[in-house]
Amino acid sequence: MIKRRTIKKLTQERDHLTNIMARHDFRKRGKLNAVVIDDDFSVLRLMKSYLKDYGFQTVSVYEDEYNGLKSIAENLPDIVILDLRLKITNGINIAKVLSSMIGIEVPVLLISEQNKNEKELIEVVNSTRVRFLKKPFNKTLLEEKLFNLLERKELKKTG
């Protein structure tokens, strides 16, 4: 027999999760596009799946920085997700390049298993458009980070 407190607690948790899901319904935001640059194909595949689940219309994934940056410059995505450690450079350098480009106001999520360049990472993350997420991460935490970045982008547009 299930106790009344257990049912009440389960109901509260369900309602809380429903509110979070409604708040994070990216589909309400229109046709969102993302670019993901990571040298690990399994991460690219996972990210593409997650972003599609969140309602992103276009998710372009790249294992190399050159083609990823080219896509960002040509398509101006709504969000960019970068691995901190890449083949030629690192996500911090790419984030700095993006923030210095005139006309590109794209939020950036840096992801990594480790952060050797902690001082540099803190400097970049202090930017209003860059956030950090440590691997491995869960889908809910990724969703929360993306939502916050997109909210900040919208607030900057309207404010």
C-alpha atoms as a PDB file:
ATOM      1  CA  MET A   1       0.000   0.000   0.000  1.00  0.00           C
ATOM      2  CA  ILE A   2       1.366   3.411  -0.999  1.00  0.00           C
ATOM      3  CA  LYS A   3       1.322   6.043   1.717  1.00  0.00           C
ATOM      4  CA  ARG A   4      -0.475   9.330   1.132  1.00  0.00           C
ATOM      5  CA  ARG A   5       2.745  11.285   1.697  1.00  0.00           C
ATOM      6  CA  THR A   6       4.456   9.266  -1.026  1.00  0.00           C
ATOM      7  CA  ILE A   7       1.641   9.983  -3.484  1.00  0.00           C
ATOM      8  CA  LYS A   8       1.708  13.672  -2.568  1.00  0.00           C
ATOM      9  CA  LYS A   9       5.484  13.809  -3.008  1.00  0.00           C
ATOM     10  CA  LEU A  10       5.304  12.021  -6.370  1.00  0.00           C
ATOM     11  CA  THR A  11       2.562  14.401  -7.502  1.00  0.00           C
ATOM     12  CA  GLN A  12       4.658  17.413  -6.489  1.00  0.00           C
ATOM     13  CA  GLU A  13       7.695  16.050  -8.336  1.00  0.00           C
ATOM     14  CA  ARG A  14       5.595  15.389 -11.437  1.00  0.00           C
ATOM     15  CA  ASP A  15       4.178  18.930 -11.331  1.00  0.00           C
ATOM     16  CA  HIS A  16       7.651  20.382 -10.844  1.00  0.00           C
ATOM     17  CA  LEU A  17       9.042  18.435 -13.833  1.00  0.00           C
ATOM     18  CA  THR A  18       6.041  19.467 -15.951  1.00  0.00           C
ATOM     19  CA  ASN A  19       6.726  23.125 -15.125  1.00  0.00           C
ATOM     20  CA  ILE A  20      10.392  22.751 -16.023  1.00  0.00           C
ATOM     21  CA  MET A  21       9.511  21.064 -19.315  1.00  0.00           C
ATOM     22  CA  ALA A  22       6.992  23.779 -20.197  1.00  0.00           C
ATOM     23  CA  ARG A  23       9.516  26.479 -19.334  1.00  0.00           C
ATOM     24  CA  HIS A  24      12.179  24.857 -21.490  1.00  0.00           C
ATOM     25  CA  ASP A  25      10.000  24.153 -24.492  1.00  0.00           C
ATOM     26  CA  PHE A  26      12.447  25.319 -27.132  1.00  0.00           C
ATOM     27  CA  ARG A  27       9.846  24.647 -29.822  1.00  0.00           C
ATOM     28  CA  LYS A  28       8.004  27.788 -28.709  1.00  0.00           C
ATOM     29  CA  ARG A  29      11.042  29.840 -29.655  1.00  0.00           C
ATOM     30  CA  GLY A  30      10.713  29.179 -33.364  1.00  0.00           C
ATOM     31  CA  LYS A  31      13.260  27.601 -35.667  1.00  0.00           C
ATOM     32  CA  LEU A  32      16.401  27.274 -33.573  1.00  0.00           C
ATOM     33  CA  ASN A  33      19.736  26.325 -35.109  1.00  0.00           C
ATOM     34  CA  ALA A  34      22.871  25.069 -33.395  1.00  0.00           C
ATOM     35  CA  VAL A  35      26.460  24.323 -34.334  1.00  0.00           C
ATOM     36  CA  VAL A  36      28.406  21.747 -32.317  1.00  0.00           C
ATOM     37  CA  ILE A  37      32.187  21.365 -32.651  1.00  0.00           C
ATOM     38  CA  ASP A  38      33.784  18.412 -30.881  1.00  0.00           C
ATOM     39  CA  ASP A  39      36.520  15.989 -31.915  1.00  0.00           C
ATOM     40  CA  ASP A  40      34.623  13.055 -30.375  1.00  0.00           C
ATOM     41  CA  PHE A  41      32.061  11.644 -32.804  1.00  0.00           C
ATOM     42  CA  SER A  42      30.048   9.961 -30.040  1.00  0.00           C
ATOM     43  CA  VAL A  43      29.592  13.342 -28.315  1.00  0.00           C
ATOM     44  CA  LEU A  44      28.519  14.909 -31.611  1.00  0.00           C
ATOM     45  CA  ARG A  45      25.964  12.163 -32.159  1.00  0.00           C
ATOM     46  CA  LEU A  46      24.633  12.511 -28.585  1.00  0.00           C
ATOM     47  CA  MET A  47      24.432  16.314 -28.813  1.00  0.00           C
ATOM     48  CA  LYS A  48      22.615  16.173 -32.119  1.00  0.00           C
ATOM     49  CA  SER A  49      20.089  13.736 -30.639  1.00  0.00           C
ATOM     50  CA  TYR A  50      19.548  15.864 -27.518  1.00  0.00           C
ATOM     51  CA  LEU A  51      19.187  19.110 -29.458  1.00  0.00           C
ATOM     52  CA  LYS A  52      16.710  17.540 -31.873  1.00  0.00           C
ATOM     53  CA  ASP A  53      14.742  16.260 -28.851  1.00  0.00           C
ATOM     54  CA  TYR A  54      14.689  19.832 -27.502  1.00  0.00           C
ATOM     55  CA  GLY A  55      13.150  21.028 -30.765  1.00  0.00           C
ATOM     56  CA  PHE A  56      16.139  22.549 -32.549  1.00  0.00           C
ATOM     57  CA  GLN A  57      15.384  22.521 -36.256  1.00  0.00           C
ATOM     58  CA  THR A  58      18.958  22.417 -37.543  1.00  0.00           C
ATOM     59  CA  VAL A  59      21.909  20.912 -35.689  1.00  0.00           C
ATOM     60  CA  SER A  60      25.184  21.060 -37.603  1.00  0.00           C
ATOM     61  CA  VAL A  61      27.991  18.973 -36.120  1.00  0.00           C
ATOM     62  CA  TYR A  62      31.690  19.224 -36.938  1.00  0.00           C
ATOM     63  CA  GLU A  63      34.757  17.304 -35.856  1.00  0.00           C
ATOM     64  CA  ASP A  64      37.091  20.057 -37.073  1.00  0.00           C
ATOM     65  CA  GLU A  65      37.288  23.716 -36.169  1.00  0.00           C
ATOM     66  CA  TYR A  66      37.694  25.052 -39.701  1.00  0.00           C
ATOM     67  CA  ASN A  67      34.386  23.751 -41.063  1.00  0.00           C
ATOM     68  CA  GLY A  68      32.620  24.550 -37.800  1.00  0.00           C
ATOM     69  CA  LEU A  69      33.761  28.173 -37.846  1.00  0.00           C
ATOM     70  CA  LYS A  70      32.881  28.457 -41.524  1.00  0.00           C
ATOM     71  CA  SER A  71      29.355  27.236 -40.743  1.00  0.00           C
ATOM     72  CA  ILE A  72      29.018  29.700 -37.846  1.00  0.00           C
ATOM     73  CA  ALA A  73      30.082  32.626 -40.041  1.00  0.00           C
ATOM     74  CA  GLU A  74      27.769  31.614 -42.898  1.00  0.00           C
ATOM     75  CA  ASN A  75      24.666  30.605 -40.928  1.00  0.00           C
ATOM     76  CA  LEU A  76      24.809  32.576 -37.628  1.00  0.00           C
ATOM     77  CA  PRO A  77      23.316  29.854 -35.402  1.00  0.00           C
ATOM     78  CA  ASP A  78      21.282  30.566 -32.277  1.00  0.00           C
ATOM     79  CA  ILE A  79      23.806  28.720 -30.114  1.00  0.00           C
ATOM     80  CA  VAL A  80      27.283  27.198 -30.450  1.00  0.00           C
ATOM     81  CA  ILE A  81      28.526  24.245 -28.415  1.00  0.00           C
ATOM     82  CA  LEU A  82      32.311  23.775 -28.335  1.00  0.00           C
ATOM     83  CA  ASP A  83      34.584  21.198 -26.826  1.00  0.00           C
ATOM     84  CA  LEU A  84      37.279  22.835 -24.761  1.00  0.00           C
ATOM     85  CA  ARG A  85      39.987  20.609 -26.270  1.00  0.00           C
ATOM     86  CA  LEU A  86      40.001  20.356 -30.043  1.00  0.00           C
ATOM     87  CA  LYS A  87      42.538  19.147 -32.619  1.00  0.00           C
ATOM     88  CA  ILE A  88      44.045  22.461 -33.740  1.00  0.00           C
ATOM     89  CA  THR A  89      42.990  24.987 -31.106  1.00  0.00           C
ATOM     90  CA  ASN A  90      40.671  25.009 -28.115  1.00  0.00           C
ATOM     91  CA  GLY A  91      37.124  26.110 -27.446  1.00  0.00           C
ATOM     92  CA  ILE A  92      38.314  29.092 -25.424  1.00  0.00           C
ATOM     93  CA  ASN A  93      40.123  30.554 -28.443  1.00  0.00           C
ATOM     94  CA  ILE A  94      37.099  29.989 -30.670  1.00  0.00           C
ATOM     95  CA  ALA A  95      34.809  31.611 -28.070  1.00  0.00           C
ATOM     96  CA  LYS A  96      37.141  34.628 -27.961  1.00  0.00           C
ATOM     97  CA  VAL A  97      37.117  34.877 -31.763  1.00  0.00           C
ATOM     98  CA  LEU A  98      33.313  34.689 -31.831  1.00  0.00           C
ATOM     99  CA  SER A  99      32.916  37.355 -29.152  1.00  0.00           C
ATOM    100  CA  SER A 100      35.262  39.696 -31.027  1.00  0.00           C
ATOM    101  CA  MET A 101      33.465  39.334 -34.373  1.00  0.00           C
ATOM    102  CA  ILE A 102      31.209  42.285 -35.082  1.00  0.00           C
ATOM    103  CA  GLY A 103      27.622  41.320 -35.782  1.00  0.00           C
ATOM    104  CA  ILE A 104      27.862  37.864 -34.204  1.00  0.00           C
ATOM    105  CA  GLU A 105      25.943  37.718 -30.936  1.00  0.00           C
ATOM    106  CA  VAL A 106      25.878  33.962 -30.493  1.00  0.00           C
ATOM    107  CA  PRO A 107      25.854  32.337 -27.057  1.00  0.00           C
ATOM    108  CA  VAL A 108      28.524  29.679 -26.511  1.00  0.00           C
ATOM    109  CA  LEU A 109      28.489  26.586 -24.327  1.00  0.00           C
ATOM    110  CA  LEU A 110      31.957  25.143 -23.663  1.00  0.00           C
ATOM    111  CA  ILE A 111      32.063  21.458 -22.728  1.00  0.00           C
ATOM    112  CA  SER A 112      34.987  19.404 -21.467  1.00  0.00           C
ATOM    113  CA  GLU A 113      36.079  16.549 -19.264  1.00  0.00           C
ATOM    114  CA  GLN A 114      38.844  18.661 -17.761  1.00  0.00           C
ATOM    115  CA  ASN A 115      39.779  22.284 -17.564  1.00  0.00           C
ATOM    116  CA  LYS A 116      43.550  22.743 -17.476  1.00  0.00           C
ATOM    117  CA  ASN A 117      43.249  26.391 -18.534  1.00  0.00           C
ATOM    118  CA  GLU A 118      41.104  27.290 -15.508  1.00  0.00           C
ATOM    119  CA  LYS A 119      42.144  30.947 -15.306  1.00  0.00           C
ATOM    120  CA  GLU A 120      41.502  31.497 -19.002  1.00  0.00           C
ATOM    121  CA  LEU A 121      38.217  29.569 -18.784  1.00  0.00           C
ATOM    122  CA  ILE A 122      36.997  31.756 -15.907  1.00  0.00           C
ATOM    123  CA  GLU A 123      37.885  34.873 -17.894  1.00  0.00           C
ATOM    124  CA  VAL A 124      35.897  33.704 -20.912  1.00  0.00           C
ATOM    125  CA  VAL A 125      32.951  32.420 -18.877  1.00  0.00           C
ATOM    126  CA  ASN A 126      32.629  35.829 -17.245  1.00  0.00           C
ATOM    127  CA  SER A 127      31.414  36.957 -20.654  1.00  0.00           C
ATOM    128  CA  THR A 128      27.607  37.091 -20.719  1.00  0.00           C
ATOM    129  CA  ARG A 129      27.412  34.782 -23.729  1.00  0.00           C
ATOM    130  CA  VAL A 130      29.678  31.920 -22.605  1.00  0.00           C
ATOM    131  CA  ARG A 131      28.949  29.126 -20.131  1.00  0.00           C
ATOM    132  CA  PHE A 132      30.757  25.918 -19.179  1.00  0.00           C
ATOM    133  CA  LEU A 133      29.443  22.371 -18.729  1.00  0.00           C
ATOM    134  CA  LYS A 134      31.655  19.552 -17.467  1.00  0.00           C
ATOM    135  CA  LYS A 135      31.533  16.154 -19.172  1.00  0.00           C
ATOM    136  CA  PRO A 136      29.949  13.764 -18.558  1.00  0.00           C
ATOM    137  CA  PHE A 137      26.701  15.677 -18.225  1.00  0.00           C
ATOM    138  CA  ASN A 138      23.082  14.676 -18.077  1.00  0.00           C
ATOM    139  CA  LYS A 139      20.408  15.753 -20.496  1.00  0.00           C
ATOM    140  CA  THR A 140      18.565  17.890 -17.943  1.00  0.00           C
ATOM    141  CA  LEU A 141      21.643  19.908 -17.017  1.00  0.00           C
ATOM    142  CA  LEU A 142      22.461  20.477 -20.685  1.00  0.00           C
ATOM    143  CA  GLU A 143      18.904  21.637 -21.287  1.00  0.00           C
ATOM    144  CA  GLU A 144      19.110  24.063 -18.354  1.00  0.00           C
ATOM    145  CA  LYS A 145      22.377  25.581 -19.626  1.00  0.00           C
ATOM    146  CA  LEU A 146      20.993  25.979 -23.159  1.00  0.00           C
ATOM    147  CA  PHE A 147      17.790  27.534 -21.870  1.00  0.00           C
ATOM    148  CA  ASN A 148      19.720  30.049 -19.752  1.00  0.00           C
ATOM    149  CA  LEU A 149      21.979  31.015 -22.648  1.00  0.00           C
ATOM    150  CA  LEU A 150      19.029  31.531 -24.986  1.00  0.00           C
ATOM    151  CA  GLU A 151      17.144  33.514 -22.318  1.00  0.00           C
ATOM    152  CA  ARG A 152      20.118  35.851 -21.915  1.00  0.00           C
ATOM    153  CA  LYS A 153      20.294  36.296 -25.675  1.00  0.00           C
ATOM    154  CA  GLU A 154      16.597  37.225 -25.828  1.00  0.00           C
ATOM    155  CA  LEU A 155      16.875  39.596 -22.861  1.00  0.00           C
ATOM    156  CA  LYS A 156      19.828  41.318 -24.498  1.00  0.00           C
ATOM    157  CA  LYS A 157      17.786  41.779 -27.706  1.00  0.00           C
ATOM    158  CA  THR A 158      14.784  43.294 -25.904  1.00  0.00           C
ATOM    159  CA  GLY A 159      16.683  45.215 -23.211  1.00  0.00           C
END
